[in-house]
Protein backbone atom coordinates (compact mmCIF):
# COMPACT_ATOMS: atom_id res chain seq x y z
CA UNK A 1 -16.66 -11.86 23.82
CA UNK A 2 -18.57 -12.64 20.87
CA UNK A 3 -17.78 -11.82 17.32
CA UNK A 4 -20.86 -9.31 17.62
CA UNK A 5 -19.23 -7.73 20.67
CA UNK A 6 -15.74 -6.99 19.01
CA UNK A 7 -17.33 -5.62 16.33
CA UNK A 8 -19.31 -3.28 18.16
CA UNK A 9 -16.21 -2.23 20.04
CA UNK A 10 -14.60 -1.34 17.00
CA UNK A 11 -17.67 0.68 15.67
CA UNK A 12 -17.61 2.54 18.97
CA UNK A 13 -13.94 3.65 18.79
CA UNK A 14 -14.88 4.83 14.71
CA UNK A 15 -12.87 1.91 13.11
CA UNK A 16 -13.79 0.06 10.11
CA UNK A 17 -11.19 -2.36 9.16
CA UNK A 18 -9.83 -2.32 5.51
CA UNK A 19 -9.75 -4.72 2.59
CA UNK A 20 -6.53 -6.45 3.25
CA UNK A 21 -4.06 -6.33 0.38
CA UNK A 22 -1.48 -8.54 -1.12
CA UNK A 23 2.01 -8.78 -0.19
CA UNK A 24 4.40 -5.93 -1.69
CA UNK A 25 7.35 -8.81 -2.24
CA UNK A 26 8.22 -12.33 -1.80
CA UNK A 27 6.66 -13.08 1.41
CA UNK A 28 3.00 -13.84 2.97
CA UNK A 29 1.19 -11.10 5.39
CA UNK A 30 0.55 -13.64 8.14
CA UNK A 31 1.67 -17.14 9.14
CA UNK A 32 0.83 -19.45 11.75
CA UNK A 33 2.52 -21.78 13.70
CA UNK A 34 0.71 -23.91 16.36
CA UNK A 35 -1.27 -21.32 18.62
CA UNK A 36 1.01 -18.23 17.13
CA UNK A 37 0.01 -16.41 14.53
CA UNK A 38 3.12 -13.92 13.11
CA UNK A 39 1.88 -10.93 11.21
CA UNK A 40 4.53 -9.35 8.68
CA UNK A 41 5.83 -5.74 8.89
CA UNK A 42 2.81 -3.40 7.80
CA UNK A 43 3.75 0.09 6.87
CA UNK A 44 1.93 3.17 7.32
CA UNK A 45 -0.75 4.27 4.88
CA UNK A 46 -2.81 7.35 4.82
CA UNK A 47 -5.69 7.77 2.20
CA UNK A 48 -4.61 4.37 0.44
CA UNK A 49 -1.26 5.49 0.00
CA UNK A 50 2.53 5.00 1.82
CA UNK A 51 2.79 7.48 4.68
CA UNK A 52 6.10 8.75 3.81
CA UNK A 53 8.26 11.22 5.96
CA UNK A 54 10.94 11.28 8.73
CA UNK A 55 10.17 11.39 12.37
CA UNK A 56 12.24 14.47 13.55
CA UNK A 57 12.21 16.26 10.31
CA UNK A 58 9.00 16.10 8.06
CA UNK A 59 6.70 14.60 10.68
CA UNK A 60 5.96 15.30 14.00
CA UNK A 61 5.45 12.70 17.03
CA UNK A 62 2.04 13.48 16.71
CA UNK A 63 2.16 12.47 13.25
CA UNK A 64 4.24 9.28 13.78
CA UNK A 65 1.60 8.23 16.58
CA UNK A 66 -1.38 8.66 14.19
CA UNK A 67 0.73 6.75 11.69
CA UNK A 68 1.16 3.81 13.91
CA UNK A 69 -2.18 3.89 15.19
CA UNK A 70 -3.49 3.39 11.40
CA UNK A 71 -0.90 0.78 10.43
CA UNK A 72 -2.25 -1.11 13.82
CA UNK A 73 -5.72 -0.87 12.16
CA UNK A 74 -4.27 -2.28 9.09
CA UNK A 75 -2.53 -5.37 11.25
CA UNK A 76 -6.04 -5.87 12.81
CA UNK A 77 -7.22 -6.22 9.26
CA UNK A 78 -4.85 -8.97 8.38
CA UNK A 79 -5.56 -10.90 11.56
CA UNK A 80 -9.19 -10.96 10.68
CA UNK A 81 -8.70 -12.41 7.16
CA UNK A 82 -6.48 -14.78 8.79
CA UNK A 83 -8.34 -16.09 11.55
CA UNK A 84 -11.84 -15.04 10.62
CA UNK A 85 -12.82 -14.01 14.03
CA UNK A 86 -11.09 -11.79 16.41
CA UNK A 87 -12.39 -13.31 19.28
CA UNK A 88 -9.74 -16.33 18.91
CA UNK A 89 -7.13 -13.46 20.26
CA UNK A 90 -5.78 -14.89 23.30
CA UNK A 91 -3.38 -11.96 23.44
CA UNK A 92 -1.06 -9.49 21.52
CA UNK A 93 2.19 -11.14 22.53
CA UNK A 94 4.79 -9.02 20.92
CA UNK A 95 4.69 -5.78 18.92
CA UNK A 96 7.86 -4.34 16.94
CA UNK A 97 7.86 -1.09 15.73
CA UNK A 98 10.57 0.39 13.14
CA UNK A 99 10.35 4.11 12.94
CA UNK A 100 11.91 6.23 10.12
CA UNK A 101 13.77 9.07 12.05
CA UNK A 102 16.69 11.22 12.06
CA UNK A 103 19.45 10.44 14.09
CA UNK A 104 18.44 12.83 16.97
CA UNK A 105 14.96 11.62 17.12
CA UNK A 106 14.47 9.92 20.55
CA UNK A 107 10.42 9.48 20.64
CA UNK A 108 10.18 6.20 18.77
CA UNK A 109 8.33 4.88 22.15
CA UNK A 110 5.81 7.65 21.91
CA UNK A 111 5.13 6.72 18.26
CA UNK A 112 4.69 3.35 18.72
CA UNK A 113 2.37 4.09 21.45
CA UNK A 114 -0.09 4.81 18.61
CA UNK A 115 -0.59 1.06 17.95
CA UNK A 116 -0.11 -0.29 21.50
CA UNK A 117 -2.78 1.97 23.13
CA UNK A 118 -4.94 0.79 20.03
CA UNK A 119 -4.36 -2.83 20.92
CA UNK A 120 -5.34 -2.29 24.62
CA UNK A 121 -8.46 -0.05 23.64
CA UNK A 122 -9.75 -2.78 21.19
CA UNK A 123 -8.59 -6.04 23.29
CA UNK A 124 -8.31 -4.67 26.85
CA UNK A 125 -5.79 -6.63 28.86
CA UNK A 126 -5.61 -9.17 26.13
CA UNK A 127 -4.03 -6.31 24.07
CA UNK A 128 -1.43 -5.40 26.45
CA UNK A 129 2.04 -7.14 24.85
CA UNK A 130 5.78 -6.95 24.99
CA UNK A 131 7.48 -4.64 22.39
CA UNK A 132 10.45 -2.76 20.96
CA UNK A 133 10.47 0.31 19.18
CA UNK A 134 13.45 1.43 17.07
CA UNK A 135 14.66 4.36 15.32
CA UNK A 136 15.59 3.28 11.47
CA UNK A 137 17.50 5.31 8.73
CA UNK A 138 14.76 4.08 6.26
CA UNK A 139 12.04 2.04 5.67
CA UNK A 140 10.83 0.38 2.21
CA UNK A 141 8.90 2.93 0.34
CA UNK A 142 9.88 6.01 2.36
CA UNK A 143 7.33 4.89 4.70
CA UNK A 144 7.13 6.81 8.36
CA UNK A 145 6.41 3.64 10.12
CA UNK A 146 6.39 -0.06 9.85
CA UNK A 147 4.97 -2.39 12.48
CA UNK A 148 4.93 -6.33 12.82
CA UNK A 149 3.77 -8.50 15.88
CA UNK A 150 2.89 -11.65 17.01
CA UNK A 151 -0.30 -12.91 18.54
CA UNK A 152 -1.46 -15.82 20.30
CA UNK A 153 -4.71 -17.41 19.21
CA UNK A 154 -7.00 -20.27 20.28
């Protein structure tokens, strides 16, 4: 798949990669070791601002799914900024999702599908990955979702 093709695919999905931003604390947004790229946790944003809220309280599973999808798009923007060519992606290896949720909320896996399904839509089989989804008491800045991932590249 050429760079042109991946941009056509993103366009077909209605996705425009946002401009990447600097980290909010003492870390880098991506780090590469050998053929693995580790992307730092990205928090959910909506209209350029932190997408705050708690699943099972102020947000529904559907809201969380949309937040995870938006976070996945931000992760792709960071990956593109790191690689310069998304066709270098051999596969998305691992995704870890933190979902700001009440103790009784048990649909973290359905929230995280917002990211997982997007990666599969964009990369096909290369986007299918191992995954963990956790419910947590809080995420920085009150964000509803934070996702990090590991990507194998050529």
